[in-house]
């Protein structure tokens, strides 16, 4: 089960914070976390007035019964958030995404790749509810963690959960003597069998979600995921980092990063195994 006891909400000091605080309030209601910390990185002028202004904004917009703390640190951008000493105790970083017209998304990518814990990216939105959730599924332990996170939300509100497995026809299929369409049918059958084994192994009740298999013609799964998110009109995408190895748990799979850059309309929760990531770093330090 994903541990979400301690959340970190990143504020930029603009009016966009109002949107982020309202969305974070909703998510905290689902996860019942113990503490929420609000952090702002200020390049200069770290006076008490700024701290009081941020605290007043938090008190006005974040009306959740949990322990709250407002932290202001000096610096610029994502590097100073990732270097903040308190980050080691955080389970989920909640970060706003600005429209592409005013932001390149560099800071979001840095936080995604640099944070050991899970990251939630929230675009500017006026929709503060979750009714439909899309989860890219690769039958791994991490995608199971994503599903369990959605089921945790479902305990509080009756959401519709879509599991999407994107598969492709491998290069060299023609050497088998079969057409692309024939090999695609073989791949689909194999993937459905793989899903059944995954369901049985994890004792899943598939009445709680809908499973979708999508053939990827260009081996760019983020395109397929984005298109499905639009087709199903989802409110949230939950995607796991590729954690098949300890190294991969800290370096996000290209699908997750591509999806975040592709989609600036739907909030995206990127689930990481924090303990696995920390174990990887400990191993590096011993080399």
C-alpha atoms as a PDB file:
ATOM      1  CA  UNK A   1       0.000   0.000   0.000  1.00  0.00           C
ATOM      2  CA  UNK A   2       1.301   3.461  -0.936  1.00  0.00           C
ATOM      3  CA  UNK A   3       2.207   5.397   2.205  1.00  0.00           C
ATOM      4  CA  UNK A   4       0.912   8.978   2.059  1.00  0.00           C
ATOM      5  CA  UNK A   5       1.293  10.146   5.643  1.00  0.00           C
ATOM      6  CA  UNK A   6       3.333  13.242   4.739  1.00  0.00           C
ATOM      7  CA  UNK A   7       2.556  15.493   1.772  1.00  0.00           C
ATOM      8  CA  UNK A   8       4.572  18.394   0.390  1.00  0.00           C
ATOM      9  CA  UNK A   9       2.694  21.057  -1.604  1.00  0.00           C
ATOM     10  CA  UNK A  10       4.931  23.347  -3.679  1.00  0.00           C
ATOM     11  CA  UNK A  11       3.711  26.956  -3.830  1.00  0.00           C
ATOM     12  CA  UNK A  12       5.036  29.575  -6.271  1.00  0.00           C
ATOM     13  CA  UNK A  13       3.490  32.640  -4.639  1.00  0.00           C
ATOM     14  CA  UNK A  14       1.137  33.432  -7.546  1.00  0.00           C
ATOM     15  CA  UNK A  15      -2.629  33.152  -7.977  1.00  0.00           C
ATOM     16  CA  UNK A  16      -2.074  29.622  -9.321  1.00  0.00           C
ATOM     17  CA  UNK A  17      -1.520  28.542  -5.713  1.00  0.00           C
ATOM     18  CA  UNK A  18      -5.249  28.928  -5.057  1.00  0.00           C
ATOM     19  CA  UNK A  19      -6.000  26.200  -7.607  1.00  0.00           C
ATOM     20  CA  UNK A  20      -3.279  23.923  -6.248  1.00  0.00           C
ATOM     21  CA  UNK A  21      -4.382  24.316  -2.632  1.00  0.00           C
ATOM     22  CA  UNK A  22      -7.989  23.448  -3.445  1.00  0.00           C
ATOM     23  CA  UNK A  23      -6.918  20.370  -5.395  1.00  0.00           C
ATOM     24  CA  UNK A  24      -4.511  19.269  -2.659  1.00  0.00           C
ATOM     25  CA  UNK A  25      -7.325  19.639  -0.118  1.00  0.00           C
ATOM     26  CA  UNK A  26      -9.425  17.195  -2.101  1.00  0.00           C
ATOM     27  CA  UNK A  27      -6.623  14.633  -2.408  1.00  0.00           C
ATOM     28  CA  UNK A  28      -5.803  14.809   1.293  1.00  0.00           C
ATOM     29  CA  UNK A  29      -9.452  14.024   1.959  1.00  0.00           C
ATOM     30  CA  UNK A  30      -8.965  10.754   0.065  1.00  0.00           C
ATOM     31  CA  UNK A  31      -5.673   9.751   1.662  1.00  0.00           C
ATOM     32  CA  UNK A  32      -6.222  10.938   5.265  1.00  0.00           C
ATOM     33  CA  UNK A  33      -2.592  11.958   5.588  1.00  0.00           C
ATOM     34  CA  UNK A  34      -1.080  12.950   8.912  1.00  0.00           C
ATOM     35  CA  UNK A  35       0.792  16.108   7.892  1.00  0.00           C
ATOM     36  CA  UNK A  36       0.919  18.522   4.956  1.00  0.00           C
ATOM     37  CA  UNK A  37       3.885  20.842   4.452  1.00  0.00           C
ATOM     38  CA  UNK A  38       3.707  23.840   2.131  1.00  0.00           C
ATOM     39  CA  UNK A  39       7.006  24.992   0.654  1.00  0.00           C
ATOM     40  CA  UNK A  40       7.919  28.128  -1.272  1.00  0.00           C
ATOM     41  CA  UNK A  41      11.309  28.811  -2.836  1.00  0.00           C
ATOM     42  CA  UNK A  42      12.118  32.533  -2.753  1.00  0.00           C
ATOM     43  CA  UNK A  43      15.196  33.923  -4.544  1.00  0.00           C
ATOM     44  CA  UNK A  44      15.577  36.837  -2.103  1.00  0.00           C
ATOM     45  CA  UNK A  45      13.822  38.784   0.629  1.00  0.00           C
ATOM     46  CA  UNK A  46      12.914  35.887   2.898  1.00  0.00           C
ATOM     47  CA  UNK A  47      11.165  38.044   5.482  1.00  0.00           C
ATOM     48  CA  UNK A  48       8.447  37.160   7.957  1.00  0.00           C
ATOM     49  CA  UNK A  49       5.883  39.069   5.896  1.00  0.00           C
ATOM     50  CA  UNK A  50       6.165  36.539   3.046  1.00  0.00           C
ATOM     51  CA  UNK A  51       5.768  33.648   5.460  1.00  0.00           C
ATOM     52  CA  UNK A  52       2.653  35.218   7.007  1.00  0.00           C
ATOM     53  CA  UNK A  53       1.125  35.878   3.562  1.00  0.00           C
ATOM     54  CA  UNK A  54       1.624  32.273   2.516  1.00  0.00           C
ATOM     55  CA  UNK A  55       0.243  30.971   5.806  1.00  0.00           C
ATOM     56  CA  UNK A  56      -2.851  33.151   5.410  1.00  0.00           C
ATOM     57  CA  UNK A  57      -3.392  31.779   1.911  1.00  0.00           C
ATOM     58  CA  UNK A  58      -2.993  28.192   3.137  1.00  0.00           C
ATOM     59  CA  UNK A  59      -5.444  28.782   5.993  1.00  0.00           C
ATOM     60  CA  UNK A  60      -7.993  30.265   3.583  1.00  0.00           C
ATOM     61  CA  UNK A  61      -7.796  27.648   0.828  1.00  0.00           C
ATOM     62  CA  UNK A  62      -6.623  24.440   2.547  1.00  0.00           C
ATOM     63  CA  UNK A  63      -9.368  23.626   5.026  1.00  0.00           C
ATOM     64  CA  UNK A  64      -8.370  20.125   6.040  1.00  0.00           C
ATOM     65  CA  UNK A  65      -8.009  18.835   9.567  1.00  0.00           C
ATOM     66  CA  UNK A  66      -4.362  17.750   9.633  1.00  0.00           C
ATOM     67  CA  UNK A  67      -1.051  19.076  10.882  1.00  0.00           C
ATOM     68  CA  UNK A  68       0.141  21.935   8.633  1.00  0.00           C
ATOM     69  CA  UNK A  69       3.481  23.693   8.265  1.00  0.00           C
ATOM     70  CA  UNK A  70       4.591  26.500   5.938  1.00  0.00           C
ATOM     71  CA  UNK A  71       8.265  26.536   4.944  1.00  0.00           C
ATOM     72  CA  UNK A  72      10.071  29.247   2.965  1.00  0.00           C
ATOM     73  CA  UNK A  73      13.576  28.509   1.675  1.00  0.00           C
ATOM     74  CA  UNK A  74      15.968  30.650  -0.311  1.00  0.00           C
ATOM     75  CA  UNK A  75      16.864  29.535  -3.820  1.00  0.00           C
ATOM     76  CA  UNK A  76      15.461  29.091  -7.305  1.00  0.00           C
ATOM     77  CA  UNK A  77      13.488  26.280  -8.890  1.00  0.00           C
ATOM     78  CA  UNK A  78      13.342  22.548  -8.439  1.00  0.00           C
ATOM     79  CA  UNK A  79      16.952  22.016  -7.376  1.00  0.00           C
ATOM     80  CA  UNK A  80      16.351  23.709  -4.044  1.00  0.00           C
ATOM     81  CA  UNK A  81      13.154  21.736  -3.420  1.00  0.00           C
ATOM     82  CA  UNK A  82      15.064  18.508  -4.087  1.00  0.00           C
ATOM     83  CA  UNK A  83      17.865  19.708  -1.813  1.00  0.00           C
ATOM     84  CA  UNK A  84      15.552  20.648   1.057  1.00  0.00           C
ATOM     85  CA  UNK A  85      16.474  18.628   4.139  1.00  0.00           C
ATOM     86  CA  UNK A  86      12.874  17.795   5.041  1.00  0.00           C
ATOM     87  CA  UNK A  87      12.215  16.045   1.728  1.00  0.00           C
ATOM     88  CA  UNK A  88      13.463  12.738   3.155  1.00  0.00           C
ATOM     89  CA  UNK A  89      10.313  12.543   5.306  1.00  0.00           C
ATOM     90  CA  UNK A  90       7.880  13.320   2.475  1.00  0.00           C
ATOM     91  CA  UNK A  91       5.749  10.598   0.836  1.00  0.00           C
ATOM     92  CA  UNK A  92       4.128  12.643  -1.936  1.00  0.00           C
ATOM     93  CA  UNK A  93       5.123  15.916  -3.626  1.00  0.00           C
ATOM     94  CA  UNK A  94       2.197  17.910  -5.075  1.00  0.00           C
ATOM     95  CA  UNK A  95       3.321  20.288  -7.793  1.00  0.00           C
ATOM     96  CA  UNK A  96       1.356  22.679  -9.998  1.00  0.00           C
ATOM     97  CA  UNK A  97       1.886  22.694 -13.760  1.00  0.00           C
ATOM     98  CA  UNK A  98       1.657  26.025 -15.522  1.00  0.00           C
ATOM     99  CA  UNK A  99       0.309  26.285 -19.094  1.00  0.00           C
ATOM    100  CA  UNK A 100       2.953  25.702 -21.768  1.00  0.00           C
ATOM    101  CA  UNK A 101       2.546  29.293 -22.899  1.00  0.00           C
ATOM    102  CA  UNK A 102       4.272  30.467 -19.711  1.00  0.00           C
ATOM    103  CA  UNK A 103       6.369  27.457 -18.657  1.00  0.00           C
ATOM    104  CA  UNK A 104       8.683  24.873 -20.256  1.00  0.00           C
ATOM    105  CA  UNK A 105       7.974  22.214 -17.641  1.00  0.00           C
ATOM    106  CA  UNK A 106      11.666  21.874 -16.772  1.00  0.00           C
ATOM    107  CA  UNK A 107      11.080  22.111 -13.024  1.00  0.00           C
ATOM    108  CA  UNK A 108       8.330  19.470 -13.138  1.00  0.00           C
ATOM    109  CA  UNK A 109      10.645  17.079 -14.978  1.00  0.00           C
ATOM    110  CA  UNK A 110      13.448  17.698 -12.475  1.00  0.00           C
ATOM    111  CA  UNK A 111      11.173  16.973  -9.537  1.00  0.00           C
ATOM    112  CA  UNK A 112       9.813  13.855 -11.260  1.00  0.00           C
ATOM    113  CA  UNK A 113      13.250  12.425 -11.895  1.00  0.00           C
ATOM    114  CA  UNK A 114      14.938  13.680  -8.734  1.00  0.00           C
ATOM    115  CA  UNK A 115      12.367  12.887  -6.061  1.00  0.00           C
ATOM    116  CA  UNK A 116      12.566   9.534  -4.294  1.00  0.00           C
ATOM    117  CA  UNK A 117       8.896   9.718  -3.377  1.00  0.00           C
ATOM    118  CA  UNK A 118       5.740   9.847  -5.472  1.00  0.00           C
ATOM    119  CA  UNK A 119       4.884  13.036  -7.346  1.00  0.00           C
ATOM    120  CA  UNK A 120       1.509  14.515  -8.275  1.00  0.00           C
ATOM    121  CA  UNK A 121       1.335  17.069 -11.082  1.00  0.00           C
ATOM    122  CA  UNK A 122      -1.732  19.317 -11.106  1.00  0.00           C
ATOM    123  CA  UNK A 123      -2.552  21.552 -14.098  1.00  0.00           C
ATOM    124  CA  UNK A 124      -4.651  24.678 -13.769  1.00  0.00           C
ATOM    125  CA  UNK A 125      -8.187  23.368 -13.348  1.00  0.00           C
ATOM    126  CA  UNK A 126     -11.556  24.333 -11.940  1.00  0.00           C
ATOM    127  CA  UNK A 127     -12.594  20.697 -11.515  1.00  0.00           C
ATOM    128  CA  UNK A 128     -12.059  19.622  -7.929  1.00  0.00           C
ATOM    129  CA  UNK A 129     -13.467  16.113  -8.039  1.00  0.00           C
ATOM    130  CA  UNK A 130     -12.331  12.694  -9.201  1.00  0.00           C
ATOM    131  CA  UNK A 131     -14.880  10.493 -10.959  1.00  0.00           C
ATOM    132  CA  UNK A 132     -12.840   8.614 -13.569  1.00  0.00           C
ATOM    133  CA  UNK A 133      -9.254   7.356 -13.212  1.00  0.00           C
ATOM    134  CA  UNK A 134      -6.953   5.874 -15.861  1.00  0.00           C
ATOM    135  CA  UNK A 135      -4.072   3.573 -14.887  1.00  0.00           C
ATOM    136  CA  UNK A 136      -1.495   2.353 -17.432  1.00  0.00           C
ATOM    137  CA  UNK A 137      -0.956  -1.316 -16.579  1.00  0.00           C
ATOM    138  CA  UNK A 138       2.182  -3.388 -17.259  1.00  0.00           C
ATOM    139  CA  UNK A 139       1.426  -6.246 -14.823  1.00  0.00           C
ATOM    140  CA  UNK A 140       4.282  -5.194 -12.542  1.00  0.00           C
ATOM    141  CA  UNK A 141       4.273  -4.725  -8.775  1.00  0.00           C
ATOM    142  CA  UNK A 142       4.426  -0.977  -9.308  1.00  0.00           C
ATOM    143  CA  UNK A 143       1.334  -0.879 -11.520  1.00  0.00           C
ATOM    144  CA  UNK A 144      -0.392  -2.907  -8.802  1.00  0.00           C
ATOM    145  CA  UNK A 145       0.583  -0.135  -6.407  1.00  0.00           C
ATOM    146  CA  UNK A 146      -1.068   2.371  -8.740  1.00  0.00           C
ATOM    147  CA  UNK A 147      -4.247   0.298  -8.789  1.00  0.00           C
ATOM    148  CA  UNK A 148      -4.285   0.030  -4.999  1.00  0.00           C
ATOM    149  CA  UNK A 149      -3.959   3.821  -4.803  1.00  0.00           C
ATOM    150  CA  UNK A 150      -7.038   4.206  -7.012  1.00  0.00           C
ATOM    151  CA  UNK A 151      -8.928   1.636  -4.949  1.00  0.00           C
ATOM    152  CA  UNK A 152      -8.026   3.676  -1.876  1.00  0.00           C
ATOM    153  CA  UNK A 153      -9.703   6.698  -3.473  1.00  0.00           C
ATOM    154  CA  UNK A 154     -12.681   4.505  -4.396  1.00  0.00           C
ATOM    155  CA  UNK A 155     -13.249   3.872  -0.690  1.00  0.00           C
ATOM    156  CA  UNK A 156     -14.194   7.552  -0.365  1.00  0.00           C
ATOM    157  CA  UNK A 157     -15.972   8.186  -3.661  1.00  0.00           C
ATOM    158  CA  UNK A 158     -17.445   5.864  -6.272  1.00  0.00           C
ATOM    159  CA  UNK A 159     -14.931   6.397  -9.068  1.00  0.00           C
ATOM    160  CA  UNK A 160     -14.736   4.525 -12.368  1.00  0.00           C
ATOM    161  CA  UNK A 161     -11.305   2.922 -12.840  1.00  0.00           C
ATOM    162  CA  UNK A 162      -9.885   2.102 -16.270  1.00  0.00           C
ATOM    163  CA  UNK A 163      -6.809  -0.126 -16.576  1.00  0.00           C
ATOM    164  CA  UNK A 164      -5.078   0.262 -19.926  1.00  0.00           C
ATOM    165  CA  UNK A 165      -2.432  -2.115 -21.185  1.00  0.00           C
ATOM    166  CA  UNK A 166      -0.621  -0.857 -24.284  1.00  0.00           C
ATOM    167  CA  UNK A 167       1.006  -3.616 -26.331  1.00  0.00           C
ATOM    168  CA  UNK A 168       2.865  -3.658 -29.655  1.00  0.00           C
ATOM    169  CA  UNK A 169       3.953  -6.034 -32.381  1.00  0.00           C
ATOM    170  CA  UNK A 170       7.709  -6.652 -32.017  1.00  0.00           C
ATOM    171  CA  UNK A 171      10.132  -5.826 -34.799  1.00  0.00           C
ATOM    172  CA  UNK A 172      10.956  -8.884 -36.886  1.00  0.00           C
ATOM    173  CA  UNK A 173       7.456 -10.369 -36.736  1.00  0.00           C
ATOM    174  CA  UNK A 174       7.555 -10.929 -40.532  1.00  0.00           C
ATOM    175  CA  UNK A 175      10.259 -13.582 -40.118  1.00  0.00           C
ATOM    176  CA  UNK A 176       7.574 -15.814 -38.602  1.00  0.00           C
ATOM    177  CA  UNK A 177       5.651 -15.804 -41.858  1.00  0.00           C
ATOM    178  CA  UNK A 178       2.637 -14.101 -40.289  1.00  0.00           C
ATOM    179  CA  UNK A 179       1.108 -10.767 -41.233  1.00  0.00           C
ATOM    180  CA  UNK A 180       1.126  -7.768 -38.895  1.00  0.00           C
ATOM    181  CA  UNK A 181      -2.553  -8.298 -38.126  1.00  0.00           C
ATOM    182  CA  UNK A 182      -2.062 -12.003 -37.370  1.00  0.00           C
ATOM    183  CA  UNK A 183       0.832 -11.324 -35.038  1.00  0.00           C
ATOM    184  CA  UNK A 184      -1.143  -8.537 -33.358  1.00  0.00           C
ATOM    185  CA  UNK A 185      -3.882 -11.093 -32.563  1.00  0.00           C
ATOM    186  CA  UNK A 186      -1.272 -13.409 -31.054  1.00  0.00           C
ATOM    187  CA  UNK A 187       0.117 -10.565 -28.913  1.00  0.00           C
ATOM    188  CA  UNK A 188      -3.379  -9.625 -27.726  1.00  0.00           C
ATOM    189  CA  UNK A 189      -4.133 -13.199 -26.712  1.00  0.00           C
ATOM    190  CA  UNK A 190      -0.821 -13.444 -24.831  1.00  0.00           C
ATOM    191  CA  UNK A 191      -1.436 -10.142 -23.050  1.00  0.00           C
ATOM    192  CA  UNK A 192      -4.916 -11.203 -21.986  1.00  0.00           C
ATOM    193  CA  UNK A 193      -3.447 -14.404 -20.554  1.00  0.00           C
ATOM    194  CA  UNK A 194      -0.811 -12.336 -18.778  1.00  0.00           C
ATOM    195  CA  UNK A 195      -3.533 -10.159 -17.286  1.00  0.00           C
ATOM    196  CA  UNK A 196      -5.475 -13.202 -16.057  1.00  0.00           C
ATOM    197  CA  UNK A 197      -2.332 -14.493 -14.322  1.00  0.00           C
ATOM    198  CA  UNK A 198      -1.733 -11.032 -12.806  1.00  0.00           C
ATOM    199  CA  UNK A 199      -5.342 -10.877 -11.581  1.00  0.00           C
ATOM    200  CA  UNK A 200      -5.180 -14.343 -10.043  1.00  0.00           C
ATOM    201  CA  UNK A 201      -1.796 -13.783  -8.401  1.00  0.00           C
ATOM    202  CA  UNK A 202      -2.999 -10.575  -6.724  1.00  0.00           C
ATOM    203  CA  UNK A 203      -6.549 -11.737  -5.987  1.00  0.00           C
ATOM    204  CA  UNK A 204      -8.102  -8.817  -7.864  1.00  0.00           C
ATOM    205  CA  UNK A 205     -11.826  -8.235  -8.167  1.00  0.00           C
ATOM    206  CA  UNK A 206     -12.242  -7.024 -11.740  1.00  0.00           C
ATOM    207  CA  UNK A 207     -15.793  -5.874 -11.066  1.00  0.00           C
ATOM    208  CA  UNK A 208     -14.114  -2.775  -9.594  1.00  0.00           C
ATOM    209  CA  UNK A 209     -12.464  -1.685 -12.842  1.00  0.00           C
ATOM    210  CA  UNK A 210     -12.540  -1.973 -16.632  1.00  0.00           C
ATOM    211  CA  UNK A 211      -9.550  -3.409 -18.518  1.00  0.00           C
ATOM    212  CA  UNK A 212      -8.639  -2.042 -21.963  1.00  0.00           C
ATOM    213  CA  UNK A 213      -6.010  -3.455 -24.341  1.00  0.00           C
ATOM    214  CA  UNK A 214      -4.602  -0.984 -26.871  1.00  0.00           C
ATOM    215  CA  UNK A 215      -2.401  -1.847 -29.864  1.00  0.00           C
ATOM    216  CA  UNK A 216       0.432   0.681 -30.179  1.00  0.00           C
ATOM    217  CA  UNK A 217       1.425   1.121 -33.828  1.00  0.00           C
ATOM    218  CA  UNK A 218       4.426   3.416 -33.278  1.00  0.00           C
ATOM    219  CA  UNK A 219       5.797   2.238 -29.917  1.00  0.00           C
ATOM    220  CA  UNK A 220       4.942   5.563 -28.273  1.00  0.00           C
ATOM    221  CA  UNK A 221       2.624   4.431 -25.460  1.00  0.00           C
ATOM    222  CA  UNK A 222       2.216   7.939 -24.037  1.00  0.00           C
ATOM    223  CA  UNK A 223       0.214   8.883 -27.147  1.00  0.00           C
ATOM    224  CA  UNK A 224      -2.168   5.972 -26.586  1.00  0.00           C
ATOM    225  CA  UNK A 225      -2.550   6.767 -22.899  1.00  0.00           C
ATOM    226  CA  UNK A 226      -3.286  10.426 -23.609  1.00  0.00           C
ATOM    227  CA  UNK A 227      -5.848   9.517 -26.285  1.00  0.00           C
ATOM    228  CA  UNK A 228      -7.559   7.080 -23.908  1.00  0.00           C
ATOM    229  CA  UNK A 229      -7.624   9.725 -21.177  1.00  0.00           C
ATOM    230  CA  UNK A 230      -9.418  12.056 -23.569  1.00  0.00           C
ATOM    231  CA  UNK A 231     -11.778   9.351 -24.855  1.00  0.00           C
ATOM    232  CA  UNK A 232     -12.797   8.267 -21.350  1.00  0.00           C
ATOM    233  CA  UNK A 233     -12.849  11.849 -20.064  1.00  0.00           C
ATOM    234  CA  UNK A 234     -10.787  10.907 -17.015  1.00  0.00           C
ATOM    235  CA  UNK A 235     -10.073  13.237 -14.113  1.00  0.00           C
ATOM    236  CA  UNK A 236      -6.828  11.632 -12.984  1.00  0.00           C
ATOM    237  CA  UNK A 237      -4.058   9.449 -14.412  1.00  0.00           C
ATOM    238  CA  UNK A 238      -2.106   7.267 -11.979  1.00  0.00           C
ATOM    239  CA  UNK A 239       1.080   5.870 -13.487  1.00  0.00           C
ATOM    240  CA  UNK A 240       3.902   3.928 -11.864  1.00  0.00           C
ATOM    241  CA  UNK A 241       7.557   4.637 -12.411  1.00  0.00           C
ATOM    242  CA  UNK A 242       9.299   1.677 -13.996  1.00  0.00           C
ATOM    243  CA  UNK A 243      10.457  -0.156 -10.903  1.00  0.00           C
ATOM    244  CA  UNK A 244      11.447  -3.525 -12.314  1.00  0.00           C
ATOM    245  CA  UNK A 245      14.955  -2.861 -10.982  1.00  0.00           C
ATOM    246  CA  UNK A 246      16.205  -0.725  -8.130  1.00  0.00           C
ATOM    247  CA  UNK A 247      17.901   1.657 -10.578  1.00  0.00           C
ATOM    248  CA  UNK A 248      14.692   2.128 -12.534  1.00  0.00           C
ATOM    249  CA  UNK A 249      12.771   3.086  -9.408  1.00  0.00           C
ATOM    250  CA  UNK A 250      14.580   6.422  -9.290  1.00  0.00           C
ATOM    251  CA  UNK A 251      14.847   7.042 -13.032  1.00  0.00           C
ATOM    252  CA  UNK A 252      11.326   7.314 -14.359  1.00  0.00           C
ATOM    253  CA  UNK A 253      10.319   5.327 -17.387  1.00  0.00           C
ATOM    254  CA  UNK A 254      10.110   7.451 -20.508  1.00  0.00           C
ATOM    255  CA  UNK A 255       6.356   6.831 -20.676  1.00  0.00           C
ATOM    256  CA  UNK A 256       5.675   8.700 -17.440  1.00  0.00           C
ATOM    257  CA  UNK A 257       7.836  11.700 -18.364  1.00  0.00           C
ATOM    258  CA  UNK A 258       6.440  11.846 -21.921  1.00  0.00           C
ATOM    259  CA  UNK A 259       2.895  11.662 -20.622  1.00  0.00           C
ATOM    260  CA  UNK A 260       3.428  14.580 -18.270  1.00  0.00           C
ATOM    261  CA  UNK A 261       4.768  16.731 -21.107  1.00  0.00           C
ATOM    262  CA  UNK A 262       2.028  15.578 -23.452  1.00  0.00           C
ATOM    263  CA  UNK A 263      -0.934  16.193 -21.206  1.00  0.00           C
ATOM    264  CA  UNK A 264      -1.447  19.532 -19.496  1.00  0.00           C
ATOM    265  CA  UNK A 265      -5.160  19.027 -18.877  1.00  0.00           C
ATOM    266  CA  UNK A 266      -5.407  15.980 -16.602  1.00  0.00           C
ATOM    267  CA  UNK A 267      -3.704  15.709 -13.184  1.00  0.00           C
ATOM    268  CA  UNK A 268      -1.152  12.913 -13.068  1.00  0.00           C
ATOM    269  CA  UNK A 269       0.005  10.966 -10.016  1.00  0.00           C
ATOM    270  CA  UNK A 270       3.359   9.230 -10.581  1.00  0.00           C
ATOM    271  CA  UNK A 271       3.752   6.446  -8.032  1.00  0.00           C
ATOM    272  CA  UNK A 272       7.211   5.494  -6.794  1.00  0.00           C
ATOM    273  CA  UNK A 273       8.405   3.008  -4.219  1.00  0.00           C
ATOM    274  CA  UNK A 274      10.232   5.332  -1.843  1.00  0.00           C
ATOM    275  CA  UNK A 275      11.839   2.509   0.133  1.00  0.00           C
ATOM    276  CA  UNK A 276      13.182   0.900  -3.026  1.00  0.00           C
ATOM    277  CA  UNK A 277      14.605   4.212  -4.218  1.00  0.00           C
ATOM    278  CA  UNK A 278      16.335   4.843  -0.889  1.00  0.00           C
ATOM    279  CA  UNK A 279      17.788   1.326  -0.935  1.00  0.00           C
ATOM    280  CA  UNK A 280      19.237   2.057  -4.355  1.00  0.00           C
ATOM    281  CA  UNK A 281      20.918   5.231  -3.099  1.00  0.00           C
ATOM    282  CA  UNK A 282      22.290   3.412  -0.073  1.00  0.00           C
ATOM    283  CA  UNK A 283      23.830   0.853  -2.416  1.00  0.00           C
ATOM    284  CA  UNK A 284      25.406   3.617  -4.499  1.00  0.00           C
ATOM    285  CA  UNK A 285      27.010   5.178  -1.437  1.00  0.00           C
ATOM    286  CA  UNK A 286      28.692   1.877  -0.606  1.00  0.00           C
ATOM    287  CA  UNK A 287      30.379   1.585  -4.013  1.00  0.00           C
END
